[in-house]
């Protein structure tokens, strides 16, 4: 029986069934999940924080100019 593996290789193991050997950067039972780098997560967090600060600044600027 051949299993469906997205980003890796399928290996049958005698007596155990099967295992998937994922390519570098992927994980999961069928190698379906891409591993996020720590730098990528950090950049996303900073982008969210900066966007929030810009939105607050725009809100206060627009409220101040209407008076």
PDB file of N, CA and C in Angstrom:
ATOM      1  N   UNK A   1       0.852  -1.173   0.000  1.00  0.00           N
ATOM      2  CA  UNK A   1       0.000   0.000   0.000  1.00  0.00           C
ATOM      3  C   UNK A   1       0.901   1.240   0.000  1.00  0.00           C
ATOM      4  N   UNK A   2       0.694   2.135  -0.933  1.00  0.00           N
ATOM      5  CA  UNK A   2       1.482   3.360  -1.012  1.00  0.00           C
ATOM      6  C   UNK A   2       0.638   4.505  -0.466  1.00  0.00           C
ATOM      7  N   UNK A   3       1.217   5.236   0.484  1.00  0.00           N
ATOM      8  CA  UNK A   3       0.523   6.369   1.088  1.00  0.00           C
ATOM      9  C   UNK A   3       0.853   7.639   0.321  1.00  0.00           C
ATOM     10  N   UNK A   4       0.002   8.631   0.444  1.00  0.00           N
ATOM     11  CA  UNK A   4       0.184   9.924  -0.206  1.00  0.00           C
ATOM     12  C   UNK A   4       1.035  10.818   0.682  1.00  0.00           C
ATOM     13  N   UNK A   5       2.213  11.226   0.194  1.00  0.00           N
ATOM     14  CA  UNK A   5       3.134  12.079   0.938  1.00  0.00           C
ATOM     15  C   UNK A   5       3.354  13.338   0.108  1.00  0.00           C
ATOM     16  N   UNK A   6       3.184  14.512   0.715  1.00  0.00           N
ATOM     17  CA  UNK A   6       3.276  15.763  -0.029  1.00  0.00           C
ATOM     18  C   UNK A   6       4.707  16.197  -0.310  1.00  0.00           C
ATOM     19  N   UNK A   7       5.529  16.294   0.721  1.00  0.00           N
ATOM     20  CA  UNK A   7       6.890  16.822   0.579  1.00  0.00           C
ATOM     21  C   UNK A   7       7.888  15.886   1.243  1.00  0.00           C
ATOM     22  N   UNK A   8       7.999  14.685   0.717  1.00  0.00           N
ATOM     23  CA  UNK A   8       8.908  13.717   1.302  1.00  0.00           C
ATOM     24  C   UNK A   8       8.847  12.408   0.552  1.00  0.00           C
ATOM     25  N   UNK A   9       9.383  11.378   1.181  1.00  0.00           N
ATOM     26  CA  UNK A   9       9.399  10.045   0.592  1.00  0.00           C
ATOM     27  C   UNK A   9       8.714   9.068   1.523  1.00  0.00           C
ATOM     28  N   UNK A  10       7.982   8.158   0.926  1.00  0.00           N
ATOM     29  CA  UNK A  10       7.266   7.109   1.649  1.00  0.00           C
ATOM     30  C   UNK A  10       8.151   5.880   1.727  1.00  0.00           C
ATOM     31  N   UNK A  11       8.266   5.308   2.920  1.00  0.00           N
ATOM     32  CA  UNK A  11       9.045   4.076   3.112  1.00  0.00           C
ATOM     33  C   UNK A  11       8.187   3.061   3.837  1.00  0.00           C
ATOM     34  N   UNK A  12       8.117   1.845   3.293  1.00  0.00           N
ATOM     35  CA  UNK A  12       7.456   0.763   4.019  1.00  0.00           C
ATOM     36  C   UNK A  12       8.460   0.142   4.966  1.00  0.00           C
ATOM     37  N   UNK A  13       8.041  -0.083   6.203  1.00  0.00           N
ATOM     38  CA  UNK A  13       8.901  -0.684   7.216  1.00  0.00           C
ATOM     39  C   UNK A  13       8.296  -2.029   7.577  1.00  0.00           C
ATOM     40  N   UNK A  14       9.036  -3.095   7.350  1.00  0.00           N
ATOM     41  CA  UNK A  14       8.521  -4.436   7.611  1.00  0.00           C
ATOM     42  C   UNK A  14       8.164  -4.595   9.088  1.00  0.00           C
ATOM     43  N   UNK A  15       6.973  -5.056   9.339  1.00  0.00           N
ATOM     44  CA  UNK A  15       6.512  -5.283  10.698  1.00  0.00           C
ATOM     45  C   UNK A  15       5.955  -4.051  11.382  1.00  0.00           C
ATOM     46  N   UNK A  16       6.145  -2.872  10.805  1.00  0.00           N
ATOM     47  CA  UNK A  16       5.681  -1.635  11.436  1.00  0.00           C
ATOM     48  C   UNK A  16       4.687  -0.861  10.582  1.00  0.00           C
ATOM     49  N   UNK A  17       4.616  -1.133   9.317  1.00  0.00           N
ATOM     50  CA  UNK A  17       3.701  -0.390   8.456  1.00  0.00           C
ATOM     51  C   UNK A  17       4.468   0.527   7.521  1.00  0.00           C
ATOM     52  N   UNK A  18       4.474   1.812   7.832  1.00  0.00           N
ATOM     53  CA  UNK A  18       5.163   2.758   6.954  1.00  0.00           C
ATOM     54  C   UNK A  18       5.700   3.930   7.764  1.00  0.00           C
ATOM     55  N   UNK A  19       6.563   4.688   7.126  1.00  0.00           N
ATOM     56  CA  UNK A  19       7.048   5.940   7.691  1.00  0.00           C
ATOM     57  C   UNK A  19       7.270   6.916   6.550  1.00  0.00           C
ATOM     58  N   UNK A  20       7.201   8.182   6.855  1.00  0.00           N
ATOM     59  CA  UNK A  20       7.456   9.215   5.865  1.00  0.00           C
ATOM     60  C   UNK A  20       8.741   9.936   6.246  1.00  0.00           C
ATOM     61  N   UNK A  21       9.617  10.079   5.297  1.00  0.00           N
ATOM     62  CA  UNK A  21      10.848  10.855   5.474  1.00  0.00           C
ATOM     63  C   UNK A  21      10.626  12.191   4.793  1.00  0.00           C
ATOM     64  N   UNK A  22      10.466  13.227   5.587  1.00  0.00           N
ATOM     65  CA  UNK A  22      10.152  14.555   5.046  1.00  0.00           C
ATOM     66  C   UNK A  22      11.403  15.232   4.500  1.00  0.00           C
ATOM     67  N   UNK A  23      11.197  15.995   3.432  1.00  0.00           N
ATOM     68  CA  UNK A  23      12.275  16.830   2.913  1.00  0.00           C
ATOM     69  C   UNK A  23      12.570  17.924   3.935  1.00  0.00           C
ATOM     70  N   UNK A  24      13.747  18.514   3.828  1.00  0.00           N
ATOM     71  CA  UNK A  24      14.144  19.572   4.747  1.00  0.00           C
ATOM     72  C   UNK A  24      13.143  20.724   4.694  1.00  0.00           C
ATOM     73  N   UNK A  25      12.719  21.182   5.861  1.00  0.00           N
ATOM     74  CA  UNK A  25      11.781  22.290   5.953  1.00  0.00           C
ATOM     75  C   UNK A  25      10.322  21.870   6.079  1.00  0.00           C
ATOM     76  N   UNK A  26      10.054  20.547   6.095  1.00  0.00           N
ATOM     77  CA  UNK A  26       8.680  20.057   6.211  1.00  0.00           C
ATOM     78  C   UNK A  26       8.563  19.054   7.349  1.00  0.00           C
ATOM     79  N   UNK A  27       7.362  18.960   7.908  1.00  0.00           N
ATOM     80  CA  UNK A  27       7.101  18.033   8.998  1.00  0.00           C
ATOM     81  C   UNK A  27       5.650  17.568   8.902  1.00  0.00           C
ATOM     82  N   UNK A  28       5.268  16.647   9.753  1.00  0.00           N
ATOM     83  CA  UNK A  28       3.898  16.140   9.784  1.00  0.00           C
ATOM     84  C   UNK A  28       3.849  14.678   9.387  1.00  0.00           C
ATOM     85  N   UNK A  29       2.723  14.040   9.631  1.00  0.00           N
ATOM     86  CA  UNK A  29       2.606  12.614   9.341  1.00  0.00           C
ATOM     87  C   UNK A  29       2.689  12.320   7.853  1.00  0.00           C
ATOM     88  N   UNK A  30       2.323  13.295   7.008  1.00  0.00           N
ATOM     89  CA  UNK A  30       2.442  13.150   5.550  1.00  0.00           C
ATOM     90  C   UNK A  30       3.307  14.261   4.964  1.00  0.00           C
ATOM     91  N   UNK A  31       4.157  14.869   5.792  1.00  0.00           N
ATOM     92  CA  UNK A  31       5.059  15.954   5.369  1.00  0.00           C
ATOM     93  C   UNK A  31       4.272  17.111   4.762  1.00  0.00           C
ATOM     94  N   UNK A  32       3.139  17.421   5.384  1.00  0.00           N
ATOM     95  CA  UNK A  32       2.248  18.445   4.838  1.00  0.00           C
ATOM     96  C   UNK A  32       2.466  19.826   5.447  1.00  0.00           C
ATOM     97  N   UNK A  33       3.218  19.924   6.527  1.00  0.00           N
ATOM     98  CA  UNK A  33       3.399  21.192   7.231  1.00  0.00           C
ATOM     99  C   UNK A  33       4.778  21.776   6.971  1.00  0.00           C
ATOM    100  N   UNK A  34       4.804  23.029   6.524  1.00  0.00           N
ATOM    101  CA  UNK A  34       6.074  23.708   6.326  1.00  0.00           C
ATOM    102  C   UNK A  34       6.526  24.274   7.670  1.00  0.00           C
ATOM    103  N   UNK A  35       7.785  24.065   8.002  1.00  0.00           N
ATOM    104  CA  UNK A  35       8.327  24.537   9.265  1.00  0.00           C
ATOM    105  C   UNK A  35       8.574  26.035   9.164  1.00  0.00           C
ATOM    106  N   UNK A  36       8.020  26.781  10.109  1.00  0.00           N
ATOM    107  CA  UNK A  36       8.219  28.226  10.163  1.00  0.00           C
ATOM    108  C   UNK A  36       9.555  28.511  10.838  1.00  0.00           C
ATOM    109  N   UNK A  37      10.304  29.406  10.273  1.00  0.00           N
ATOM    110  CA  UNK A  37      11.564  29.775  10.910  1.00  0.00           C
ATOM    111  C   UNK A  37      11.290  30.751  12.048  1.00  0.00           C
ATOM    112  N   UNK A  38      12.169  30.792  13.014  1.00  0.00           N
ATOM    113  CA  UNK A  38      12.025  31.721  14.133  1.00  0.00           C
ATOM    114  C   UNK A  38      12.078  33.163  13.634  1.00  0.00           C
ATOM    115  N   UNK A  39      12.929  33.433  12.651  1.00  0.00           N
ATOM    116  CA  UNK A  39      13.034  34.780  12.103  1.00  0.00           C
ATOM    117  C   UNK A  39      11.727  35.183  11.433  1.00  0.00           C
ATOM    118  N   UNK A  40      11.096  34.259  10.724  1.00  0.00           N
ATOM    119  CA  UNK A  40       9.815  34.547  10.079  1.00  0.00           C
ATOM    120  C   UNK A  40       8.740  34.882  11.097  1.00  0.00           C
ATOM    121  N   UNK A  41       8.693  34.136  12.190  1.00  0.00           N
ATOM    122  CA  UNK A  41       7.713  34.405  13.242  1.00  0.00           C
ATOM    123  C   UNK A  41       7.973  35.744  13.906  1.00  0.00           C
ATOM    124  N   UNK A  42       9.245  36.076  14.129  1.00  0.00           N
ATOM    125  CA  UNK A  42       9.608  37.341  14.744  1.00  0.00           C
ATOM    126  C   UNK A  42       9.227  38.506  13.840  1.00  0.00           C
ATOM    127  N   UNK A  43       9.489  38.376  12.549  1.00  0.00           N
ATOM    128  CA  UNK A  43       9.150  39.437  11.592  1.00  0.00           C
ATOM    129  C   UNK A  43       7.637  39.651  11.537  1.00  0.00           C
ATOM    130  N   UNK A  44       6.879  38.566  11.541  1.00  0.00           N
ATOM    131  CA  UNK A  44       5.416  38.682  11.519  1.00  0.00           C
ATOM    132  C   UNK A  44       4.924  39.399  12.766  1.00  0.00           C
ATOM    133  N   UNK A  45       5.478  39.074  13.914  1.00  0.00           N
ATOM    134  CA  UNK A  45       5.085  39.737  15.156  1.00  0.00           C
ATOM    135  C   UNK A  45       5.366  41.228  15.114  1.00  0.00           C
ATOM    136  N   UNK A  46       6.547  41.608  14.639  1.00  0.00           N
ATOM    137  CA  UNK A  46       6.891  43.029  14.553  1.00  0.00           C
ATOM    138  C   UNK A  46       6.020  43.754  13.539  1.00  0.00           C
ATOM    139  N   UNK A  47       5.676  43.095  12.438  1.00  0.00           N
ATOM    140  CA  UNK A  47       4.802  43.730  11.444  1.00  0.00           C
ATOM    141  C   UNK A  47       3.426  44.015  12.032  1.00  0.00           C
ATOM    142  N   UNK A  48       2.919  43.111  12.852  1.00  0.00           N
ATOM    143  CA  UNK A  48       1.617  43.311  13.492  1.00  0.00           C
ATOM    144  C   UNK A  48       1.687  44.478  14.471  1.00  0.00           C
ATOM    145  N   UNK A  49       2.747  44.537  15.275  1.00  0.00           N
ATOM    146  CA  UNK A  49       2.904  45.615  16.248  1.00  0.00           C
ATOM    147  C   UNK A  49       3.008  46.968  15.555  1.00  0.00           C
ATOM    148  N   UNK A  50       3.842  47.061  14.523  1.00  0.00           N
ATOM    149  CA  UNK A  50       4.019  48.318  13.801  1.00  0.00           C
ATOM    150  C   UNK A  50       2.717  48.745  13.125  1.00  0.00           C
ATOM    151  N   UNK A  51       1.997  47.807  12.525  1.00  0.00           N
ATOM    152  CA  UNK A  51       0.711  48.129  11.893  1.00  0.00           C
ATOM    153  C   UNK A  51      -0.279  48.676  12.906  1.00  0.00           C
ATOM    154  N   UNK A  52      -0.315  48.088  14.088  1.00  0.00           N
ATOM    155  CA  UNK A  52      -1.217  48.539  15.139  1.00  0.00           C
ATOM    156  C   UNK A  52      -0.865  49.967  15.570  1.00  0.00           C
ATOM    157  N   UNK A  53       0.417  50.247  15.734  1.00  0.00           N
ATOM    158  CA  UNK A  53       0.852  51.588  16.129  1.00  0.00           C
ATOM    159  C   UNK A  53       0.496  52.611  15.049  1.00  0.00           C
ATOM    160  N   UNK A  54       0.693  52.262  13.786  1.00  0.00           N
ATOM    161  CA  UNK A  54       0.342  53.171  12.684  1.00  0.00           C
ATOM    162  C   UNK A  54      -1.152  53.436  12.667  1.00  0.00           C
ATOM    163  N   UNK A  55      -1.969  52.422  12.855  1.00  0.00           N
ATOM    164  CA  UNK A  55      -3.427  52.614  12.879  1.00  0.00           C
ATOM    165  C   UNK A  55      -3.862  53.520  14.024  1.00  0.00           C
ATOM    166  N   UNK A  56      -3.286  53.343  15.190  1.00  0.00           N
ATOM    167  CA  UNK A  56      -3.619  54.210  16.326  1.00  0.00           C
ATOM    168  C   UNK A  56      -3.204  55.645  16.022  1.00  0.00           C
ATOM    169  N   UNK A  57      -2.008  55.814  15.446  1.00  0.00           N
ATOM    170  CA  UNK A  57      -1.548  57.156  15.081  1.00  0.00           C
ATOM    171  C   UNK A  57      -2.464  57.816  14.067  1.00  0.00           C
ATOM    172  N   UNK A  58      -2.916  57.072  13.073  1.00  0.00           N
ATOM    173  CA  UNK A  58      -3.831  57.619  12.069  1.00  0.00           C
ATOM    174  C   UNK A  58      -5.153  58.022  12.712  1.00  0.00           C
ATOM    175  N   UNK A  59      -5.652  57.183  13.628  1.00  0.00           N
ATOM    176  CA  UNK A  59      -6.913  57.481  14.302  1.00  0.00           C
ATOM    177  C   UNK A  59      -6.811  58.797  15.076  1.00  0.00           C
ATOM    178  N   UNK A  60      -5.736  58.967  15.869  1.00  0.00           N
ATOM    179  CA  UNK A  60      -5.571  60.192  16.642  1.00  0.00           C
ATOM    180  C   UNK A  60      -5.355  61.401  15.742  1.00  0.00           C
ATOM    181  N   UNK A  61      -4.633  61.233  14.649  1.00  0.00           N
ATOM    182  CA  UNK A  61      -4.404  62.348  13.727  1.00  0.00           C
ATOM    183  C   UNK A  61      -5.714  62.801  13.083  1.00  0.00           C
ATOM    184  N   UNK A  62      -6.526  61.837  12.648  1.00  0.00           N
ATOM    185  CA  UNK A  62      -7.797  62.180  12.006  1.00  0.00           C
ATOM    186  C   UNK A  62      -8.767  62.818  13.000  1.00  0.00           C
ATOM    187  N   UNK A  63      -8.781  62.336  14.233  1.00  0.00           N
ATOM    188  CA  UNK A  63      -9.669  62.920  15.239  1.00  0.00           C
ATOM    189  C   UNK A  63      -9.226  64.337  15.599  1.00  0.00           C
ATOM    190  N   UNK A  64      -7.938  64.580  15.639  1.00  0.00           N
ATOM    191  CA  UNK A  64      -7.405  65.899  15.994  1.00  0.00           C
ATOM    192  C   UNK A  64      -7.686  66.936  14.910  1.00  0.00           C
ATOM    193  N   UNK A  65      -7.643  66.555  13.650  1.00  0.00           N
ATOM    194  CA  UNK A  65      -7.826  67.511  12.557  1.00  0.00           C
ATOM    195  C   UNK A  65      -9.292  67.869  12.349  1.00  0.00           C
ATOM    196  N   UNK A  66     -10.221  67.081  12.859  1.00  0.00           N
ATOM    197  CA  UNK A  66     -11.647  67.386  12.673  1.00  0.00           C
ATOM    198  C   UNK A  66     -12.149  68.458  13.620  1.00  0.00           C
ATOM    199  N   UNK A  67     -11.423  68.807  14.660  1.00  0.00           N
ATOM    200  CA  UNK A  67     -11.891  69.796  15.652  1.00  0.00           C
ATOM    201  C   UNK A  67     -11.753  71.197  15.149  1.00  0.00           C
TER     202      UNK A  67
END
